[in-house]
Amino acid sequence: LQQLEKAGLVKKKKDRAERRDVEALESAIDNLSMVLTEVRKKR
């Protein structure tokens, strides 16, 4: 039982970390698209 709980905790931490990575990627993509729009406007 303890091992199962440990595995569950590890999985939760991993999921949380992955979600953080995804959010960071999404905001980076948002920033990139804003920059691209600005560059296109200047052309």
PDB file of N, CA and C in Angstrom:
ATOM      1  N   LEU A   1       0.840  -1.205   0.000  1.00  0.00           N
ATOM      2  CA  LEU A   1       0.000   0.000   0.000  1.00  0.00           C
ATOM      3  C   LEU A   1       0.875   1.256   0.000  1.00  0.00           C
ATOM      4  N   GLN A   2       1.918   1.264   0.842  1.00  0.00           N
ATOM      5  CA  GLN A   2       2.780   2.442   0.911  1.00  0.00           C
ATOM      6  C   GLN A   2       3.449   2.708  -0.440  1.00  0.00           C
ATOM      7  N   GLN A   3       3.848   1.611  -1.092  1.00  0.00           N
ATOM      8  CA  GLN A   3       4.502   1.780  -2.394  1.00  0.00           C
ATOM      9  C   GLN A   3       3.530   2.397  -3.395  1.00  0.00           C
ATOM     10  N   LEU A   4       2.277   1.947  -3.339  1.00  0.00           N
ATOM     11  CA  LEU A   4       1.266   2.496  -4.245  1.00  0.00           C
ATOM     12  C   LEU A   4       1.105   3.996  -3.992  1.00  0.00           C
ATOM     13  N   GLU A   5       1.043   4.373  -2.716  1.00  0.00           N
ATOM     14  CA  GLU A   5       0.900   5.790  -2.386  1.00  0.00           C
ATOM     15  C   GLU A   5       2.097   6.589  -2.894  1.00  0.00           C
ATOM     16  N   LYS A   6       3.287   6.024  -2.720  1.00  0.00           N
ATOM     17  CA  LYS A   6       4.497   6.706  -3.194  1.00  0.00           C
ATOM     18  C   LYS A   6       4.422   6.901  -4.702  1.00  0.00           C
ATOM     19  N   ALA A   7       4.038   5.832  -5.396  1.00  0.00           N
ATOM     20  CA  ALA A   7       3.939   5.909  -6.857  1.00  0.00           C
ATOM     21  C   ALA A   7       2.919   6.977  -7.248  1.00  0.00           C
ATOM     22  N   GLY A   8       1.819   7.048  -6.531  1.00  0.00           N
ATOM     23  CA  GLY A   8       0.803   8.063  -6.818  1.00  0.00           C
ATOM     24  C   GLY A   8       1.352   9.463  -6.619  1.00  0.00           C
ATOM     25  N   LEU A   9       2.117   9.656  -5.553  1.00  0.00           N
ATOM     26  CA  LEU A   9       2.705  10.968  -5.281  1.00  0.00           C
ATOM     27  C   LEU A   9       3.692  11.343  -6.381  1.00  0.00           C
ATOM     28  N   VAL A  10       4.506  10.381  -6.773  1.00  0.00           N
ATOM     29  CA  VAL A  10       5.495  10.646  -7.820  1.00  0.00           C
ATOM     30  C   VAL A  10       4.775  11.039  -9.097  1.00  0.00           C
ATOM     31  N   LYS A  11       3.703  10.316  -9.413  1.00  0.00           N
ATOM     32  CA  LYS A  11       2.958  10.612 -10.634  1.00  0.00           C
ATOM     33  C   LYS A  11       2.350  12.010 -10.558  1.00  0.00           C
ATOM     34  N   LYS A  12       1.798  12.355  -9.393  1.00  0.00           N
ATOM     35  CA  LYS A  12       1.202  13.686  -9.246  1.00  0.00           C
ATOM     36  C   LYS A  12       2.257  14.755  -9.483  1.00  0.00           C
ATOM     37  N   LYS A  13       3.442  14.582  -8.889  1.00  0.00           N
ATOM     38  CA  LYS A  13       4.510  15.567  -9.061  1.00  0.00           C
ATOM     39  C   LYS A  13       4.890  15.674 -10.531  1.00  0.00           C
ATOM     40  N   LYS A  14       4.976  14.509 -11.192  1.00  0.00           N
ATOM     41  CA  LYS A  14       5.363  14.485 -12.594  1.00  0.00           C
ATOM     42  C   LYS A  14       4.307  15.207 -13.432  1.00  0.00           C
ATOM     43  N   ASP A  15       3.039  14.914 -13.165  1.00  0.00           N
ATOM     44  CA  ASP A  15       1.954  15.569 -13.908  1.00  0.00           C
ATOM     45  C   ASP A  15       2.032  17.081 -13.727  1.00  0.00           C
ATOM     46  N   ARG A  16       2.271  17.491 -12.481  1.00  0.00           N
ATOM     47  CA  ARG A  16       2.337  18.924 -12.194  1.00  0.00           C
ATOM     48  C   ARG A  16       3.487  19.555 -12.967  1.00  0.00           C
ATOM     49  N   ALA A  17       4.628  18.883 -12.978  1.00  0.00           N
ATOM     50  CA  ALA A  17       5.800  19.407 -13.682  1.00  0.00           C
ATOM     51  C   ALA A  17       5.502  19.503 -15.174  1.00  0.00           C
ATOM     52  N   GLU A  18       4.850  18.476 -15.729  1.00  0.00           N
ATOM     53  CA  GLU A  18       4.542  18.497 -17.157  1.00  0.00           C
ATOM     54  C   GLU A  18       3.578  19.628 -17.477  1.00  0.00           C
ATOM     55  N   ARG A  19       2.602  19.826 -16.587  1.00  0.00           N
ATOM     56  CA  ARG A  19       1.637  20.904 -16.822  1.00  0.00           C
ATOM     57  C   ARG A  19       2.371  22.249 -16.834  1.00  0.00           C
ATOM     58  N   ARG A  20       3.337  22.411 -15.897  1.00  0.00           N
ATOM     59  CA  ARG A  20       4.120  23.652 -15.848  1.00  0.00           C
ATOM     60  C   ARG A  20       4.876  23.842 -17.157  1.00  0.00           C
ATOM     61  N   ASP A  21       5.491  22.755 -17.651  1.00  0.00           N
ATOM     62  CA  ASP A  21       6.239  22.838 -18.913  1.00  0.00           C
ATOM     63  C   ASP A  21       5.320  23.266 -20.046  1.00  0.00           C
ATOM     64  N   VAL A  22       4.129  22.654 -20.092  1.00  0.00           N
ATOM     65  CA  VAL A  22       3.176  22.970 -21.164  1.00  0.00           C
ATOM     66  C   VAL A  22       2.772  24.438 -21.085  1.00  0.00           C
ATOM     67  N   GLU A  23       2.509  24.918 -19.868  1.00  0.00           N
ATOM     68  CA  GLU A  23       2.118  26.323 -19.715  1.00  0.00           C
ATOM     69  C   GLU A  23       3.249  27.252 -20.152  1.00  0.00           C
ATOM     70  N   ALA A  24       4.482  26.895 -19.795  1.00  0.00           N
ATOM     71  CA  ALA A  24       5.622  27.719 -20.188  1.00  0.00           C
ATOM     72  C   ALA A  24       5.737  27.746 -21.712  1.00  0.00           C
ATOM     73  N   LEU A  25       5.573  26.569 -22.341  1.00  0.00           N
ATOM     74  CA  LEU A  25       5.631  26.493 -23.807  1.00  0.00           C
ATOM     75  C   LEU A  25       4.545  27.353 -24.427  1.00  0.00           C
ATOM     76  N   GLU A  26       3.333  27.248 -23.886  1.00  0.00           N
ATOM     77  CA  GLU A  26       2.214  28.005 -24.451  1.00  0.00           C
ATOM     78  C   GLU A  26       2.471  29.505 -24.375  1.00  0.00           C
ATOM     79  N   SER A  27       2.996  29.972 -23.235  1.00  0.00           N
ATOM     80  CA  SER A  27       3.231  31.412 -23.131  1.00  0.00           C
ATOM     81  C   SER A  27       4.377  31.829 -24.052  1.00  0.00           C
ATOM     82  N   ALA A  28       5.373  30.964 -24.221  1.00  0.00           N
ATOM     83  CA  ALA A  28       6.466  31.278 -25.144  1.00  0.00           C
ATOM     84  C   ALA A  28       5.917  31.395 -26.563  1.00  0.00           C
ATOM     85  N   ILE A  29       5.013  30.480 -26.929  1.00  0.00           N
ATOM     86  CA  ILE A  29       4.414  30.511 -28.265  1.00  0.00           C
ATOM     87  C   ILE A  29       3.590  31.779 -28.439  1.00  0.00           C
ATOM     88  N   ASP A  30       2.833  32.157 -27.395  1.00  0.00           N
ATOM     89  CA  ASP A  30       2.051  33.397 -27.458  1.00  0.00           C
ATOM     90  C   ASP A  30       2.984  34.579 -27.706  1.00  0.00           C
ATOM     91  N   ASN A  31       4.083  34.640 -26.953  1.00  0.00           N
ATOM     92  CA  ASN A  31       5.034  35.751 -27.106  1.00  0.00           C
ATOM     93  C   ASN A  31       5.595  35.778 -28.523  1.00  0.00           C
ATOM     94  N   LEU A  32       5.950  34.592 -29.036  1.00  0.00           N
ATOM     95  CA  LEU A  32       6.499  34.516 -30.383  1.00  0.00           C
ATOM     96  C   LEU A  32       5.504  35.028 -31.409  1.00  0.00           C
ATOM     97  N   SER A  33       4.247  34.615 -31.288  1.00  0.00           N
ATOM     98  CA  SER A  33       3.277  35.036 -32.292  1.00  0.00           C
ATOM     99  C   SER A  33       3.040  36.541 -32.215  1.00  0.00           C
ATOM    100  N   MET A  34       3.113  37.108 -30.994  1.00  0.00           N
ATOM    101  CA  MET A  34       2.966  38.568 -30.882  1.00  0.00           C
ATOM    102  C   MET A  34       4.131  39.257 -31.590  1.00  0.00           C
ATOM    103  N   VAL A  35       5.346  38.746 -31.366  1.00  0.00           N
ATOM    104  CA  VAL A  35       6.524  39.329 -32.011  1.00  0.00           C
ATOM    105  C   VAL A  35       6.391  39.229 -33.528  1.00  0.00           C
ATOM    106  N   LEU A  36       5.941  38.076 -34.000  1.00  0.00           N
ATOM    107  CA  LEU A  36       5.787  37.891 -35.448  1.00  0.00           C
ATOM    108  C   LEU A  36       4.784  38.878 -36.023  1.00  0.00           C
ATOM    109  N   THR A  37       3.675  39.088 -35.308  1.00  0.00           N
ATOM    110  CA  THR A  37       2.677  40.044 -35.793  1.00  0.00           C
ATOM    111  C   THR A  37       3.297  41.429 -35.903  1.00  0.00           C
ATOM    112  N   GLU A  38       4.069  41.821 -34.886  1.00  0.00           N
ATOM    113  CA  GLU A  38       4.719  43.133 -34.915  1.00  0.00           C
ATOM    114  C   GLU A  38       5.661  43.247 -36.113  1.00  0.00           C
ATOM    115  N   VAL A  39       6.448  42.184 -36.329  1.00  0.00           N
ATOM    116  CA  VAL A  39       7.418  42.201 -37.437  1.00  0.00           C
ATOM    117  C   VAL A  39       6.677  42.336 -38.763  1.00  0.00           C
ATOM    118  N   ARG A  40       5.570  41.609 -38.909  1.00  0.00           N
ATOM    119  CA  ARG A  40       4.811  41.688 -40.169  1.00  0.00           C
ATOM    120  C   ARG A  40       4.249  43.091 -40.379  1.00  0.00           C
ATOM    121  N   LYS A  41       3.823  43.732 -39.289  1.00  0.00           N
ATOM    122  CA  LYS A  41       3.265  45.091 -39.407  1.00  0.00           C
ATOM    123  C   LYS A  41       4.336  46.056 -39.911  1.00  0.00           C
ATOM    124  N   LYS A  42       5.575  45.870 -39.463  1.00  0.00           N
ATOM    125  CA  LYS A  42       6.647  46.808 -39.803  1.00  0.00           C
ATOM    126  C   LYS A  42       7.085  46.668 -41.261  1.00  0.00           C
ATOM    127  N   ARG A  43       6.883  45.509 -41.854  1.00  0.00           N
ATOM    128  CA  ARG A  43       7.329  45.291 -43.234  1.00  0.00           C
ATOM    129  C   ARG A  43       6.572  46.167 -44.216  1.00  0.00           C
TER     130      ARG A  43
END
